[in-house]
């Protein structure tokens, strides 16, 4: 404790909030620290988080940004936040972009319990009186499970916007977002192995050969057209009934000026 400043205020807890945490809290109080003990221990806190994640999503009106892979949804979400909008960035909390290639370099995903807690904090910080912009997600982001109540609210009781960008601009955005794979083509190829059952061994091997040859624009273009686009369209039509009639947000590219323009126009509506 010698490295802690005098104003340090520790939170003390054990599994059930019993004698062990009580004894430590008493000791810390005796040596001058203002200590808070978590009543009921970590078990009670986890129950609170789980129960809250089942109830909190019902408080909010979500505007869901839907769109194909590489259409700039995440960048637009960030631009909306910069323009003053209220956003829930699930991929940032999960440290994952949500696809088989979506792991962030040198950034492991949090454990499920840690993710739940961070999501709970994020939801509690939102204002129920304002729209919350969120990106369309499946039930899992990487290895992490989204709360059923949040998924249901996003899919059944939300306003949808369809973000669109030309195929050539989408490829350029993907090259920017996933350019780090150029330094580790074998990791990219290993991740593609997870798609063999869906796409067949011959197609996967073709993509792997292109990656090893450095043909990144070509491989991303084919992945986009032959895998992600059909998969995304099926999923969105199944889960978001209002997608066909959703207003379209057309982006020329994924550059900051274009994203800021689109964000301003959305917030002015």
C-alpha atoms as a PDB file:
ATOM      1  CA  UNK A   1       0.000   0.000   0.000  1.00  0.00           C
ATOM      2  CA  UNK A   2       3.011   2.289   0.312  1.00  0.00           C
ATOM      3  CA  UNK A   3       2.794   3.332  -3.336  1.00  0.00           C
ATOM      4  CA  UNK A   4      -0.803   4.592  -2.983  1.00  0.00           C
ATOM      5  CA  UNK A   5      -1.577   8.302  -2.389  1.00  0.00           C
ATOM      6  CA  UNK A   6      -3.472   9.319   0.759  1.00  0.00           C
ATOM      7  CA  UNK A   7      -6.601  10.122  -1.278  1.00  0.00           C
ATOM      8  CA  UNK A   8      -6.781   6.568  -2.669  1.00  0.00           C
ATOM      9  CA  UNK A   9     -10.251   5.123  -2.002  1.00  0.00           C
ATOM     10  CA  UNK A  10     -10.186   1.369  -2.588  1.00  0.00           C
ATOM     11  CA  UNK A  11     -13.239  -0.756  -3.327  1.00  0.00           C
ATOM     12  CA  UNK A  12     -12.947  -4.038  -1.446  1.00  0.00           C
ATOM     13  CA  UNK A  13     -14.876  -7.171  -2.343  1.00  0.00           C
ATOM     14  CA  UNK A  14     -14.699 -10.941  -2.336  1.00  0.00           C
ATOM     15  CA  UNK A  15     -17.026 -13.489  -3.942  1.00  0.00           C
ATOM     16  CA  UNK A  16     -19.958 -13.058  -1.531  1.00  0.00           C
ATOM     17  CA  UNK A  17     -18.940  -9.981   0.443  1.00  0.00           C
ATOM     18  CA  UNK A  18     -18.258 -11.873   3.652  1.00  0.00           C
ATOM     19  CA  UNK A  19     -15.608 -11.867   6.362  1.00  0.00           C
ATOM     20  CA  UNK A  20     -12.524 -11.713   4.136  1.00  0.00           C
ATOM     21  CA  UNK A  21     -13.485  -8.458   2.446  1.00  0.00           C
ATOM     22  CA  UNK A  22     -14.786  -7.117   5.753  1.00  0.00           C
ATOM     23  CA  UNK A  23     -11.466  -7.775   7.476  1.00  0.00           C
ATOM     24  CA  UNK A  24      -9.452  -6.142   4.698  1.00  0.00           C
ATOM     25  CA  UNK A  25     -11.770  -3.105   4.616  1.00  0.00           C
ATOM     26  CA  UNK A  26     -11.368  -2.698   8.408  1.00  0.00           C
ATOM     27  CA  UNK A  27      -7.576  -2.914   8.107  1.00  0.00           C
ATOM     28  CA  UNK A  28      -7.412  -0.305   5.333  1.00  0.00           C
ATOM     29  CA  UNK A  29      -9.655   2.012   7.315  1.00  0.00           C
ATOM     30  CA  UNK A  30      -7.336   1.682  10.298  1.00  0.00           C
ATOM     31  CA  UNK A  31      -4.296   2.832   8.332  1.00  0.00           C
ATOM     32  CA  UNK A  32      -6.050   5.877   6.940  1.00  0.00           C
ATOM     33  CA  UNK A  33      -7.745   4.947   3.649  1.00  0.00           C
ATOM     34  CA  UNK A  34     -11.415   5.688   2.988  1.00  0.00           C
ATOM     35  CA  UNK A  35     -12.644   2.257   1.987  1.00  0.00           C
ATOM     36  CA  UNK A  36     -15.856   1.109   0.345  1.00  0.00           C
ATOM     37  CA  UNK A  37     -16.990  -2.494   0.677  1.00  0.00           C
ATOM     38  CA  UNK A  38     -19.077  -4.037  -2.096  1.00  0.00           C
ATOM     39  CA  UNK A  39     -22.157  -5.371  -0.361  1.00  0.00           C
ATOM     40  CA  UNK A  40     -22.888  -8.921  -1.414  1.00  0.00           C
ATOM     41  CA  UNK A  41     -19.488  -9.249  -3.071  1.00  0.00           C
ATOM     42  CA  UNK A  42     -18.659  -9.804  -6.709  1.00  0.00           C
ATOM     43  CA  UNK A  43     -21.485 -12.333  -7.078  1.00  0.00           C
ATOM     44  CA  UNK A  44     -24.057  -9.650  -6.263  1.00  0.00           C
ATOM     45  CA  UNK A  45     -22.373  -7.216  -8.657  1.00  0.00           C
ATOM     46  CA  UNK A  46     -22.486  -9.747 -11.505  1.00  0.00           C
ATOM     47  CA  UNK A  47     -26.180 -10.318 -10.824  1.00  0.00           C
ATOM     48  CA  UNK A  48     -26.757  -6.555 -10.981  1.00  0.00           C
ATOM     49  CA  UNK A  49     -24.906  -6.284 -14.301  1.00  0.00           C
ATOM     50  CA  UNK A  50     -26.762  -9.213 -15.874  1.00  0.00           C
ATOM     51  CA  UNK A  51     -30.153  -7.951 -14.720  1.00  0.00           C
ATOM     52  CA  UNK A  52     -29.388  -4.410 -15.877  1.00  0.00           C
ATOM     53  CA  UNK A  53     -28.306  -5.579 -19.343  1.00  0.00           C
ATOM     54  CA  UNK A  54     -31.710  -7.183 -19.662  1.00  0.00           C
ATOM     55  CA  UNK A  55     -33.510  -3.948 -18.757  1.00  0.00           C
ATOM     56  CA  UNK A  56     -31.364  -0.987 -19.863  1.00  0.00           C
ATOM     57  CA  UNK A  57     -31.719  -1.416 -23.668  1.00  0.00           C
ATOM     58  CA  UNK A  58     -35.487  -0.915 -23.395  1.00  0.00           C
ATOM     59  CA  UNK A  59     -34.910   2.693 -22.340  1.00  0.00           C
ATOM     60  CA  UNK A  60     -33.344   3.804 -25.603  1.00  0.00           C
ATOM     61  CA  UNK A  61     -34.374   4.608 -29.139  1.00  0.00           C
ATOM     62  CA  UNK A  62     -31.639   3.298 -31.432  1.00  0.00           C
ATOM     63  CA  UNK A  63     -30.804   4.402 -34.942  1.00  0.00           C
ATOM     64  CA  UNK A  64     -29.038   1.457 -36.548  1.00  0.00           C
ATOM     65  CA  UNK A  65     -26.406   2.048 -39.233  1.00  0.00           C
ATOM     66  CA  UNK A  66     -26.712  -0.868 -41.640  1.00  0.00           C
ATOM     67  CA  UNK A  67     -24.586  -1.478 -44.687  1.00  0.00           C
ATOM     68  CA  UNK A  68     -22.293  -3.904 -46.430  1.00  0.00           C
ATOM     69  CA  UNK A  69     -18.753  -4.620 -45.321  1.00  0.00           C
ATOM     70  CA  UNK A  70     -16.469  -1.678 -46.092  1.00  0.00           C
ATOM     71  CA  UNK A  71     -19.296   0.828 -46.549  1.00  0.00           C
ATOM     72  CA  UNK A  72     -17.989   3.076 -43.765  1.00  0.00           C
ATOM     73  CA  UNK A  73     -20.489   2.332 -40.975  1.00  0.00           C
ATOM     74  CA  UNK A  74     -17.921   2.421 -38.185  1.00  0.00           C
ATOM     75  CA  UNK A  75     -16.247   5.562 -39.504  1.00  0.00           C
ATOM     76  CA  UNK A  76     -19.627   7.257 -39.832  1.00  0.00           C
ATOM     77  CA  UNK A  77     -20.457   6.262 -36.260  1.00  0.00           C
ATOM     78  CA  UNK A  78     -17.246   7.936 -35.108  1.00  0.00           C
ATOM     79  CA  UNK A  79     -18.019  11.036 -37.195  1.00  0.00           C
ATOM     80  CA  UNK A  80     -21.464  11.235 -35.605  1.00  0.00           C
ATOM     81  CA  UNK A  81     -19.871  11.146 -32.168  1.00  0.00           C
ATOM     82  CA  UNK A  82     -17.468  13.919 -33.169  1.00  0.00           C
ATOM     83  CA  UNK A  83     -20.467  15.959 -34.372  1.00  0.00           C
ATOM     84  CA  UNK A  84     -22.141  15.648 -30.973  1.00  0.00           C
ATOM     85  CA  UNK A  85     -24.383  12.617 -31.476  1.00  0.00           C
ATOM     86  CA  UNK A  86     -24.888   9.956 -28.846  1.00  0.00           C
ATOM     87  CA  UNK A  87     -23.361   6.652 -29.975  1.00  0.00           C
ATOM     88  CA  UNK A  88     -22.882   3.133 -28.674  1.00  0.00           C
ATOM     89  CA  UNK A  89     -19.695   1.708 -30.209  1.00  0.00           C
ATOM     90  CA  UNK A  90     -20.001  -2.029 -29.630  1.00  0.00           C
ATOM     91  CA  UNK A  91     -16.948  -2.931 -31.695  1.00  0.00           C
ATOM     92  CA  UNK A  92     -14.745  -0.582 -29.666  1.00  0.00           C
ATOM     93  CA  UNK A  93     -15.950  -2.146 -26.412  1.00  0.00           C
ATOM     94  CA  UNK A  94     -15.452  -5.648 -27.829  1.00  0.00           C
ATOM     95  CA  UNK A  95     -12.048  -4.803 -29.413  1.00  0.00           C
ATOM     96  CA  UNK A  96     -13.181  -6.527 -32.606  1.00  0.00           C
ATOM     97  CA  UNK A  97     -14.634  -5.543 -35.985  1.00  0.00           C
ATOM     98  CA  UNK A  98     -17.099  -8.402 -35.969  1.00  0.00           C
ATOM     99  CA  UNK A  99     -15.985 -10.604 -38.885  1.00  0.00           C
ATOM    100  CA  UNK A 100     -13.620 -13.551 -39.206  1.00  0.00           C
ATOM    101  CA  UNK A 101     -10.906 -11.001 -40.099  1.00  0.00           C
ATOM    102  CA  UNK A 102     -12.050  -8.533 -37.447  1.00  0.00           C
ATOM    103  CA  UNK A 103      -9.519  -9.107 -34.682  1.00  0.00           C
ATOM    104  CA  UNK A 104      -7.438  -6.008 -33.954  1.00  0.00           C
ATOM    105  CA  UNK A 105      -3.646  -6.426 -34.162  1.00  0.00           C
ATOM    106  CA  UNK A 106      -2.002  -6.814 -30.743  1.00  0.00           C
ATOM    107  CA  UNK A 107      -5.340  -6.162 -29.020  1.00  0.00           C
ATOM    108  CA  UNK A 108      -7.014  -9.220 -27.489  1.00  0.00           C
ATOM    109  CA  UNK A 109     -10.715  -9.169 -26.779  1.00  0.00           C
ATOM    110  CA  UNK A 110     -11.793  -8.768 -23.160  1.00  0.00           C
ATOM    111  CA  UNK A 111     -13.313 -11.681 -21.285  1.00  0.00           C
ATOM    112  CA  UNK A 112     -17.104 -11.935 -21.501  1.00  0.00           C
ATOM    113  CA  UNK A 113     -17.587 -10.689 -17.928  1.00  0.00           C
ATOM    114  CA  UNK A 114     -15.327  -7.691 -18.533  1.00  0.00           C
ATOM    115  CA  UNK A 115     -17.183  -6.924 -21.762  1.00  0.00           C
ATOM    116  CA  UNK A 116     -20.528  -7.116 -19.955  1.00  0.00           C
ATOM    117  CA  UNK A 117     -19.295  -4.684 -17.318  1.00  0.00           C
ATOM    118  CA  UNK A 118     -17.936  -2.197 -19.864  1.00  0.00           C
ATOM    119  CA  UNK A 119     -21.176  -2.392 -21.861  1.00  0.00           C
ATOM    120  CA  UNK A 120     -23.163  -1.827 -18.653  1.00  0.00           C
ATOM    121  CA  UNK A 121     -21.110   1.298 -17.924  1.00  0.00           C
ATOM    122  CA  UNK A 122     -21.606   2.540 -21.509  1.00  0.00           C
ATOM    123  CA  UNK A 123     -25.385   2.058 -21.398  1.00  0.00           C
ATOM    124  CA  UNK A 124     -25.701   3.730 -18.003  1.00  0.00           C
ATOM    125  CA  UNK A 125     -23.891   6.782 -19.375  1.00  0.00           C
ATOM    126  CA  UNK A 126     -26.410   7.273 -22.200  1.00  0.00           C
ATOM    127  CA  UNK A 127     -29.298   9.732 -22.082  1.00  0.00           C
ATOM    128  CA  UNK A 128     -32.651   7.967 -22.734  1.00  0.00           C
ATOM    129  CA  UNK A 129     -34.039  11.254 -24.025  1.00  0.00           C
ATOM    130  CA  UNK A 130     -31.699  11.292 -27.035  1.00  0.00           C
ATOM    131  CA  UNK A 131     -31.357   8.950 -30.002  1.00  0.00           C
ATOM    132  CA  UNK A 132     -28.497   6.450 -29.775  1.00  0.00           C
ATOM    133  CA  UNK A 133     -26.651   5.647 -33.000  1.00  0.00           C
ATOM    134  CA  UNK A 134     -25.310   2.102 -33.163  1.00  0.00           C
ATOM    135  CA  UNK A 135     -23.850  -0.099 -35.872  1.00  0.00           C
ATOM    136  CA  UNK A 136     -25.755  -3.216 -36.936  1.00  0.00           C
ATOM    137  CA  UNK A 137     -24.165  -6.277 -35.372  1.00  0.00           C
ATOM    138  CA  UNK A 138     -24.859  -9.983 -35.169  1.00  0.00           C
ATOM    139  CA  UNK A 139     -25.452 -11.635 -31.817  1.00  0.00           C
ATOM    140  CA  UNK A 140     -21.698 -12.039 -31.389  1.00  0.00           C
ATOM    141  CA  UNK A 141     -18.843  -9.610 -31.921  1.00  0.00           C
ATOM    142  CA  UNK A 142     -15.842 -11.841 -32.331  1.00  0.00           C
ATOM    143  CA  UNK A 143     -16.045 -14.300 -29.457  1.00  0.00           C
ATOM    144  CA  UNK A 144     -18.257 -12.081 -27.287  1.00  0.00           C
ATOM    145  CA  UNK A 145     -22.009 -12.459 -26.893  1.00  0.00           C
ATOM    146  CA  UNK A 146     -24.246  -9.383 -26.969  1.00  0.00           C
ATOM    147  CA  UNK A 147     -27.129  -9.294 -24.469  1.00  0.00           C
ATOM    148  CA  UNK A 148     -30.322 -10.726 -25.929  1.00  0.00           C
ATOM    149  CA  UNK A 149     -32.281  -7.650 -24.830  1.00  0.00           C
ATOM    150  CA  UNK A 150     -29.933  -5.309 -26.701  1.00  0.00           C
ATOM    151  CA  UNK A 151     -30.027  -7.404 -29.884  1.00  0.00           C
ATOM    152  CA  UNK A 152     -33.827  -7.559 -29.767  1.00  0.00           C
ATOM    153  CA  UNK A 153     -34.160  -3.815 -29.208  1.00  0.00           C
ATOM    154  CA  UNK A 154     -31.817  -3.009 -32.098  1.00  0.00           C
ATOM    155  CA  UNK A 155     -33.632  -5.353 -34.456  1.00  0.00           C
ATOM    156  CA  UNK A 156     -37.271  -4.915 -33.500  1.00  0.00           C
ATOM    157  CA  UNK A 157     -37.729  -1.397 -32.210  1.00  0.00           C
ATOM    158  CA  UNK A 158     -35.193   0.727 -34.003  1.00  0.00           C
ATOM    159  CA  UNK A 159     -34.910   3.140 -36.896  1.00  0.00           C
ATOM    160  CA  UNK A 160     -32.644   1.855 -39.671  1.00  0.00           C
ATOM    161  CA  UNK A 161     -30.332   3.791 -42.006  1.00  0.00           C
ATOM    162  CA  UNK A 162     -28.657   2.062 -44.921  1.00  0.00           C
ATOM    163  CA  UNK A 163     -25.081   3.257 -45.512  1.00  0.00           C
ATOM    164  CA  UNK A 164     -23.910   2.827 -49.108  1.00  0.00           C
ATOM    165  CA  UNK A 165     -20.625   3.374 -50.907  1.00  0.00           C
ATOM    166  CA  UNK A 166     -19.384   2.351 -54.362  1.00  0.00           C
ATOM    167  CA  UNK A 167     -17.580  -0.976 -54.606  1.00  0.00           C
ATOM    168  CA  UNK A 168     -14.309   0.667 -55.620  1.00  0.00           C
ATOM    169  CA  UNK A 169     -14.423   3.024 -52.621  1.00  0.00           C
ATOM    170  CA  UNK A 170     -15.248   0.103 -50.340  1.00  0.00           C
ATOM    171  CA  UNK A 171     -12.156  -1.763 -51.519  1.00  0.00           C
ATOM    172  CA  UNK A 172     -10.016   1.290 -50.780  1.00  0.00           C
ATOM    173  CA  UNK A 173     -11.503   1.533 -47.291  1.00  0.00           C
ATOM    174  CA  UNK A 174     -10.838  -2.161 -46.647  1.00  0.00           C
ATOM    175  CA  UNK A 175      -7.245  -1.717 -47.774  1.00  0.00           C
ATOM    176  CA  UNK A 176      -6.888   1.030 -45.175  1.00  0.00           C
ATOM    177  CA  UNK A 177      -8.648  -0.831 -42.375  1.00  0.00           C
ATOM    178  CA  UNK A 178      -6.955  -4.200 -42.954  1.00  0.00           C
ATOM    179  CA  UNK A 179      -3.671  -3.037 -44.427  1.00  0.00           C
ATOM    180  CA  UNK A 180      -1.787  -4.514 -41.484  1.00  0.00           C
ATOM    181  CA  UNK A 181      -2.317  -7.977 -42.997  1.00  0.00           C
ATOM    182  CA  UNK A 182       0.233  -7.063 -45.684  1.00  0.00           C
ATOM    183  CA  UNK A 183       2.864  -7.512 -42.954  1.00  0.00           C
ATOM    184  CA  UNK A 184       1.525 -10.955 -41.990  1.00  0.00           C
ATOM    185  CA  UNK A 185      -0.073 -12.705 -44.947  1.00  0.00           C
ATOM    186  CA  UNK A 186       0.142 -16.086 -43.229  1.00  0.00           C
ATOM    187  CA  UNK A 187      -2.081 -14.891 -40.398  1.00  0.00           C
ATOM    188  CA  UNK A 188      -4.583 -13.691 -42.975  1.00  0.00           C
ATOM    189  CA  UNK A 189      -4.465 -17.059 -44.734  1.00  0.00           C
ATOM    190  CA  UNK A 190      -4.932 -18.936 -41.477  1.00  0.00           C
ATOM    191  CA  UNK A 191      -8.049 -16.893 -40.689  1.00  0.00           C
ATOM    192  CA  UNK A 192      -9.480 -17.684 -44.120  1.00  0.00           C
ATOM    193  CA  UNK A 193      -9.338 -21.395 -43.263  1.00  0.00           C
ATOM    194  CA  UNK A 194     -12.389 -20.803 -41.052  1.00  0.00           C
ATOM    195  CA  UNK A 195     -14.421 -20.122 -44.225  1.00  0.00           C
ATOM    196  CA  UNK A 196     -13.664 -23.431 -45.981  1.00  0.00           C
ATOM    197  CA  UNK A 197     -16.976 -24.998 -44.984  1.00  0.00           C
ATOM    198  CA  UNK A 198     -18.927 -22.042 -46.378  1.00  0.00           C
ATOM    199  CA  UNK A 199     -16.857 -21.230 -49.471  1.00  0.00           C
ATOM    200  CA  UNK A 200     -15.126 -24.474 -50.360  1.00  0.00           C
ATOM    201  CA  UNK A 201     -11.451 -25.352 -50.321  1.00  0.00           C
ATOM    202  CA  UNK A 202     -10.758 -24.307 -53.919  1.00  0.00           C
ATOM    203  CA  UNK A 203     -12.015 -20.740 -53.472  1.00  0.00           C
ATOM    204  CA  UNK A 204     -10.205 -20.308 -50.145  1.00  0.00           C
ATOM    205  CA  UNK A 205      -6.953 -21.530 -51.647  1.00  0.00           C
ATOM    206  CA  UNK A 206      -7.375 -19.046 -54.499  1.00  0.00           C
ATOM    207  CA  UNK A 207      -7.781 -16.188 -52.038  1.00  0.00           C
ATOM    208  CA  UNK A 208      -4.800 -17.388 -50.016  1.00  0.00           C
ATOM    209  CA  UNK A 209      -2.629 -17.504 -53.132  1.00  0.00           C
ATOM    210  CA  UNK A 210      -3.661 -13.952 -53.996  1.00  0.00           C
ATOM    211  CA  UNK A 211      -2.791 -12.749 -50.504  1.00  0.00           C
ATOM    212  CA  UNK A 212       0.621 -14.410 -50.574  1.00  0.00           C
ATOM    213  CA  UNK A 213       1.238 -12.751 -53.948  1.00  0.00           C
ATOM    214  CA  UNK A 214       0.391  -9.339 -52.484  1.00  0.00           C
ATOM    215  CA  UNK A 215      -2.767  -8.862 -54.590  1.00  0.00           C
ATOM    216  CA  UNK A 216      -4.627  -7.284 -51.691  1.00  0.00           C
ATOM    217  CA  UNK A 217      -7.049  -5.122 -53.668  1.00  0.00           C
ATOM    218  CA  UNK A 218      -8.115  -8.143 -55.710  1.00  0.00           C
ATOM    219  CA  UNK A 219      -8.552 -10.458 -52.728  1.00  0.00           C
ATOM    220  CA  UNK A 220     -10.563  -7.895 -50.769  1.00  0.00           C
ATOM    221  CA  UNK A 221     -12.742  -7.234 -53.820  1.00  0.00           C
ATOM    222  CA  UNK A 222     -13.502 -10.938 -54.199  1.00  0.00           C
ATOM    223  CA  UNK A 223     -14.038 -11.483 -50.482  1.00  0.00           C
ATOM    224  CA  UNK A 224     -16.436  -8.560 -50.457  1.00  0.00           C
ATOM    225  CA  UNK A 225     -18.476  -9.656 -53.477  1.00  0.00           C
ATOM    226  CA  UNK A 226     -18.422 -13.438 -53.043  1.00  0.00           C
ATOM    227  CA  UNK A 227     -18.552 -13.821 -49.265  1.00  0.00           C
ATOM    228  CA  UNK A 228     -19.419 -10.781 -47.195  1.00  0.00           C
ATOM    229  CA  UNK A 229     -22.067  -9.136 -49.389  1.00  0.00           C
ATOM    230  CA  UNK A 230     -24.326 -12.176 -49.834  1.00  0.00           C
ATOM    231  CA  UNK A 231     -23.910 -13.154 -46.196  1.00  0.00           C
ATOM    232  CA  UNK A 232     -24.691  -9.656 -44.959  1.00  0.00           C
ATOM    233  CA  UNK A 233     -27.733  -9.209 -47.170  1.00  0.00           C
ATOM    234  CA  UNK A 234     -29.263 -12.490 -46.004  1.00  0.00           C
ATOM    235  CA  UNK A 235     -28.627 -11.657 -42.370  1.00  0.00           C
ATOM    236  CA  UNK A 236     -29.954  -8.116 -42.573  1.00  0.00           C
ATOM    237  CA  UNK A 237     -33.125  -9.045 -44.442  1.00  0.00           C
ATOM    238  CA  UNK A 238     -33.788 -11.784 -41.900  1.00  0.00           C
ATOM    239  CA  UNK A 239     -33.172  -9.629 -38.833  1.00  0.00           C
ATOM    240  CA  UNK A 240     -34.099  -6.057 -39.815  1.00  0.00           C
ATOM    241  CA  UNK A 241     -37.592  -5.976 -41.303  1.00  0.00           C
ATOM    242  CA  UNK A 242     -37.415  -2.261 -42.189  1.00  0.00           C
ATOM    243  CA  UNK A 243     -34.175  -2.453 -44.161  1.00  0.00           C
ATOM    244  CA  UNK A 244     -35.816  -2.412 -47.598  1.00  0.00           C
ATOM    245  CA  UNK A 245     -37.533   0.901 -46.853  1.00  0.00           C
ATOM    246  CA  UNK A 246     -34.688   2.437 -44.856  1.00  0.00           C
ATOM    247  CA  UNK A 247     -33.348   5.850 -45.829  1.00  0.00           C
ATOM    248  CA  UNK A 248     -30.026   5.680 -47.653  1.00  0.00           C
ATOM    249  CA  UNK A 249     -26.889   7.507 -46.515  1.00  0.00           C
ATOM    250  CA  UNK A 250     -24.675   7.729 -49.582  1.00  0.00           C
ATOM    251  CA  UNK A 251     -20.955   8.122 -48.941  1.00  0.00           C
ATOM    252  CA  UNK A 252     -18.532   8.971 -51.732  1.00  0.00           C
ATOM    253  CA  UNK A 253     -15.625   7.520 -49.752  1.00  0.00           C
ATOM    254  CA  UNK A 254     -14.398   6.945 -46.223  1.00  0.00           C
ATOM    255  CA  UNK A 255     -12.412  10.154 -45.861  1.00  0.00           C
ATOM    256  CA  UNK A 256     -12.943  12.481 -42.856  1.00  0.00           C
ATOM    257  CA  UNK A 257     -14.412  15.380 -44.862  1.00  0.00           C
ATOM    258  CA  UNK A 258     -17.058  13.172 -46.460  1.00  0.00           C
ATOM    259  CA  UNK A 259     -17.933  11.482 -43.171  1.00  0.00           C
ATOM    260  CA  UNK A 260     -18.237  14.827 -41.362  1.00  0.00           C
ATOM    261  CA  UNK A 261     -20.587  16.067 -44.093  1.00  0.00           C
ATOM    262  CA  UNK A 262     -22.808  13.002 -43.803  1.00  0.00           C
ATOM    263  CA  UNK A 263     -22.867  13.256 -40.002  1.00  0.00           C
ATOM    264  CA  UNK A 264     -23.880  16.916 -40.094  1.00  0.00           C
ATOM    265  CA  UNK A 265     -26.678  16.204 -42.552  1.00  0.00           C
ATOM    266  CA  UNK A 266     -28.012  13.318 -40.479  1.00  0.00           C
ATOM    267  CA  UNK A 267     -28.082  15.384 -37.297  1.00  0.00           C
ATOM    268  CA  UNK A 268     -29.774  18.275 -39.091  1.00  0.00           C
ATOM    269  CA  UNK A 269     -32.728  16.112 -40.083  1.00  0.00           C
END
